[in-house]
Amino acid sequence: MDASPPGSILYSPGPHDTDILLCECGNLEVIRGDATWQRFQPDFERDACHCLDCDTTLPLSRNDDPRLHFRHP
């Protein structure tokens, strides 16, 4: 997957009915189904997200293809 533009939080559907958020500060969270976010406060209507680790609100960079998800090298 291509890197996101600087200054954004990556959002992607993951495998097995999960959703993933990844901040440029390294904060990462994976939730399943109807779980609520613990490390982020996303606003999907405004395409913005607040990262609670670095206390920053950034635009969302969306990956809407559920076949592509974040992979660690």
N, C-alpha and C. Protein backbone atom coordinates (compact mmCIF):
# COMPACT_ATOMS: atom_id res chain seq x y z
N MET A 1 0.84 -1.17 0.00
CA MET A 1 0.00 0.00 0.00
C MET A 1 0.89 1.24 0.00
N ASP A 2 0.51 2.22 -0.76
CA ASP A 2 1.29 3.46 -0.84
C ASP A 2 1.21 4.21 0.46
N ALA A 3 2.24 4.97 0.75
CA ALA A 3 2.25 5.79 1.95
C ALA A 3 1.24 6.93 1.80
N SER A 4 0.69 7.35 2.92
CA SER A 4 -0.27 8.44 2.87
C SER A 4 0.46 9.76 2.73
N PRO A 5 -0.25 10.79 2.30
CA PRO A 5 0.37 12.10 2.27
C PRO A 5 0.71 12.54 3.69
N PRO A 6 1.75 13.38 3.86
CA PRO A 6 2.10 13.81 5.21
C PRO A 6 0.94 14.54 5.87
N GLY A 7 0.83 14.36 7.16
CA GLY A 7 -0.21 15.05 7.90
C GLY A 7 -1.57 14.43 7.75
N SER A 8 -1.67 13.11 7.84
CA SER A 8 -2.97 12.47 7.77
C SER A 8 -2.98 11.22 8.64
N ILE A 9 -4.18 10.73 8.92
CA ILE A 9 -4.37 9.47 9.62
C ILE A 9 -4.94 8.50 8.61
N LEU A 10 -4.33 7.33 8.49
CA LEU A 10 -4.80 6.32 7.55
C LEU A 10 -5.98 5.56 8.13
N TYR A 11 -7.01 5.36 7.31
CA TYR A 11 -8.16 4.55 7.69
C TYR A 11 -8.34 3.48 6.64
N SER A 12 -8.56 2.25 7.08
CA SER A 12 -8.73 1.15 6.14
C SER A 12 -9.60 0.06 6.74
N PRO A 13 -10.45 -0.55 5.91
CA PRO A 13 -11.07 -1.79 6.36
C PRO A 13 -10.00 -2.87 6.39
N GLY A 14 -10.00 -3.67 7.42
CA GLY A 14 -9.01 -4.74 7.53
C GLY A 14 -9.65 -6.10 7.31
N PRO A 15 -8.87 -7.13 7.51
CA PRO A 15 -9.40 -8.48 7.34
C PRO A 15 -10.33 -8.86 8.49
N HIS A 16 -11.22 -9.80 8.24
CA HIS A 16 -12.08 -10.38 9.28
C HIS A 16 -12.96 -9.34 9.98
N ASP A 17 -13.62 -8.46 9.18
CA ASP A 17 -14.57 -7.48 9.72
C ASP A 17 -13.91 -6.53 10.72
N THR A 18 -12.71 -6.05 10.39
CA THR A 18 -12.04 -5.09 11.25
C THR A 18 -11.90 -3.75 10.52
N ASP A 19 -11.69 -2.70 11.30
CA ASP A 19 -11.35 -1.37 10.80
C ASP A 19 -10.06 -0.95 11.47
N ILE A 20 -9.23 -0.23 10.71
CA ILE A 20 -7.89 0.13 11.19
C ILE A 20 -7.68 1.63 11.05
N LEU A 21 -7.14 2.26 12.08
CA LEU A 21 -6.68 3.65 12.03
C LEU A 21 -5.21 3.66 12.40
N LEU A 22 -4.42 4.46 11.66
CA LEU A 22 -2.98 4.57 11.91
C LEU A 22 -2.57 6.03 11.78
N CYS A 23 -2.06 6.59 12.87
CA CYS A 23 -1.60 7.98 12.89
C CYS A 23 -0.13 8.03 12.52
N GLU A 24 0.30 9.16 11.98
CA GLU A 24 1.72 9.33 11.65
C GLU A 24 2.62 9.29 12.88
N CYS A 25 2.06 9.48 14.08
CA CYS A 25 2.86 9.38 15.31
C CYS A 25 3.14 7.93 15.69
N GLY A 26 2.51 6.98 15.00
CA GLY A 26 2.70 5.57 15.28
C GLY A 26 1.55 4.94 16.03
N ASN A 27 0.60 5.74 16.49
CA ASN A 27 -0.57 5.21 17.18
C ASN A 27 -1.38 4.37 16.19
N LEU A 28 -1.75 3.15 16.59
CA LEU A 28 -2.46 2.22 15.73
C LEU A 28 -3.57 1.58 16.54
N GLU A 29 -4.75 1.44 15.91
CA GLU A 29 -5.85 0.74 16.58
C GLU A 29 -6.63 -0.06 15.56
N VAL A 30 -6.98 -1.27 15.95
CA VAL A 30 -7.80 -2.16 15.14
C VAL A 30 -9.04 -2.49 15.95
N ILE A 31 -10.22 -2.28 15.36
CA ILE A 31 -11.45 -2.66 16.05
C ILE A 31 -12.23 -3.63 15.18
N ARG A 32 -13.10 -4.38 15.80
CA ARG A 32 -13.92 -5.36 15.09
C ARG A 32 -15.39 -5.04 15.30
N GLY A 33 -16.15 -5.09 14.20
CA GLY A 33 -17.60 -4.94 14.28
C GLY A 33 -18.02 -3.60 14.83
N ASP A 34 -18.84 -3.63 15.88
CA ASP A 34 -19.41 -2.41 16.46
C ASP A 34 -18.61 -1.85 17.63
N ALA A 35 -17.38 -2.32 17.81
CA ALA A 35 -16.55 -1.82 18.91
C ALA A 35 -16.33 -0.31 18.75
N THR A 36 -16.05 0.36 19.85
CA THR A 36 -15.78 1.79 19.80
C THR A 36 -14.28 2.03 19.86
N TRP A 37 -13.86 3.12 19.24
CA TRP A 37 -12.44 3.48 19.21
C TRP A 37 -12.01 3.94 20.60
N GLN A 38 -10.85 3.46 21.06
CA GLN A 38 -10.30 3.84 22.35
C GLN A 38 -9.16 4.84 22.22
N ARG A 39 -8.41 4.81 21.10
CA ARG A 39 -7.23 5.66 20.92
C ARG A 39 -7.46 6.80 19.95
N PHE A 40 -8.62 6.84 19.31
CA PHE A 40 -8.93 7.84 18.30
C PHE A 40 -10.35 8.35 18.48
N GLN A 41 -10.62 9.54 17.96
CA GLN A 41 -11.96 10.08 17.87
C GLN A 41 -12.21 10.46 16.41
N PRO A 42 -12.63 9.48 15.59
CA PRO A 42 -12.83 9.76 14.17
C PRO A 42 -14.15 10.50 13.91
N ASP A 43 -14.13 11.36 12.91
CA ASP A 43 -15.33 12.02 12.41
C ASP A 43 -15.38 11.71 10.91
N PHE A 44 -16.03 10.60 10.58
CA PHE A 44 -16.03 10.12 9.21
C PHE A 44 -16.82 11.03 8.27
N GLU A 45 -17.78 11.77 8.79
CA GLU A 45 -18.54 12.71 7.96
C GLU A 45 -17.67 13.87 7.49
N ARG A 46 -16.76 14.29 8.31
CA ARG A 46 -15.87 15.42 7.97
C ARG A 46 -14.50 14.96 7.47
N ASP A 47 -14.29 13.63 7.38
CA ASP A 47 -13.00 13.06 6.97
C ASP A 47 -11.86 13.62 7.81
N ALA A 48 -12.05 13.59 9.13
CA ALA A 48 -11.03 14.04 10.07
C ALA A 48 -10.99 13.07 11.24
N CYS A 49 -9.88 13.07 11.95
CA CYS A 49 -9.74 12.17 13.09
C CYS A 49 -8.80 12.80 14.11
N HIS A 50 -9.16 12.65 15.38
CA HIS A 50 -8.31 13.14 16.47
C HIS A 50 -7.58 11.95 17.07
N CYS A 51 -6.25 12.03 17.12
CA CYS A 51 -5.41 10.99 17.73
C CYS A 51 -5.21 11.38 19.20
N LEU A 52 -5.60 10.49 20.09
CA LEU A 52 -5.48 10.79 21.51
C LEU A 52 -4.04 10.66 22.02
N ASP A 53 -3.19 9.91 21.31
CA ASP A 53 -1.79 9.78 21.74
C ASP A 53 -1.00 11.06 21.53
N CYS A 54 -1.11 11.66 20.33
CA CYS A 54 -0.35 12.89 20.06
C CYS A 54 -1.22 14.14 20.17
N ASP A 55 -2.50 13.96 20.52
CA ASP A 55 -3.44 15.08 20.72
C ASP A 55 -3.50 16.00 19.51
N THR A 56 -3.63 15.38 18.31
CA THR A 56 -3.67 16.12 17.06
C THR A 56 -4.88 15.67 16.25
N THR A 57 -5.53 16.64 15.59
CA THR A 57 -6.61 16.32 14.66
C THR A 57 -6.08 16.48 13.25
N LEU A 58 -6.21 15.42 12.46
CA LEU A 58 -5.69 15.38 11.09
C LEU A 58 -6.76 14.88 10.13
N PRO A 59 -6.60 15.18 8.84
CA PRO A 59 -7.53 14.63 7.86
C PRO A 59 -7.34 13.11 7.73
N LEU A 60 -8.40 12.42 7.34
CA LEU A 60 -8.32 10.99 7.09
C LEU A 60 -7.87 10.73 5.67
N SER A 61 -6.99 9.77 5.51
CA SER A 61 -6.60 9.27 4.20
C SER A 61 -7.22 7.89 4.10
N ARG A 62 -8.22 7.74 3.23
CA ARG A 62 -9.02 6.51 3.19
C ARG A 62 -8.51 5.49 2.18
N ASN A 63 -8.51 4.25 2.63
CA ASN A 63 -8.36 3.11 1.74
C ASN A 63 -9.68 2.36 1.83
N ASP A 64 -10.51 2.46 0.80
CA ASP A 64 -11.83 1.85 0.84
C ASP A 64 -11.88 0.45 0.24
N ASP A 65 -10.73 -0.10 -0.13
CA ASP A 65 -10.69 -1.44 -0.71
C ASP A 65 -10.44 -2.46 0.39
N PRO A 66 -11.44 -3.27 0.78
CA PRO A 66 -11.25 -4.20 1.90
C PRO A 66 -10.22 -5.29 1.61
N ARG A 67 -9.83 -5.47 0.34
CA ARG A 67 -8.80 -6.47 0.03
C ARG A 67 -7.41 -5.96 0.38
N LEU A 68 -7.26 -4.64 0.50
CA LEU A 68 -5.98 -4.04 0.88
C LEU A 68 -6.06 -3.59 2.32
N HIS A 69 -5.13 -4.03 3.11
CA HIS A 69 -5.09 -3.59 4.51
C HIS A 69 -3.63 -3.38 4.88
N PHE A 70 -3.40 -2.80 6.01
CA PHE A 70 -2.04 -2.45 6.42
C PHE A 70 -1.25 -3.72 6.70
N ARG A 71 -0.06 -3.76 6.19
CA ARG A 71 0.83 -4.89 6.42
C ARG A 71 2.15 -4.36 6.96
N HIS A 72 2.68 -5.06 7.94
CA HIS A 72 3.99 -4.70 8.46
C HIS A 72 5.04 -5.48 7.70
N PRO A 73 6.19 -4.85 7.35
CA PRO A 73 7.24 -5.57 6.60
C PRO A 73 7.78 -6.74 7.36
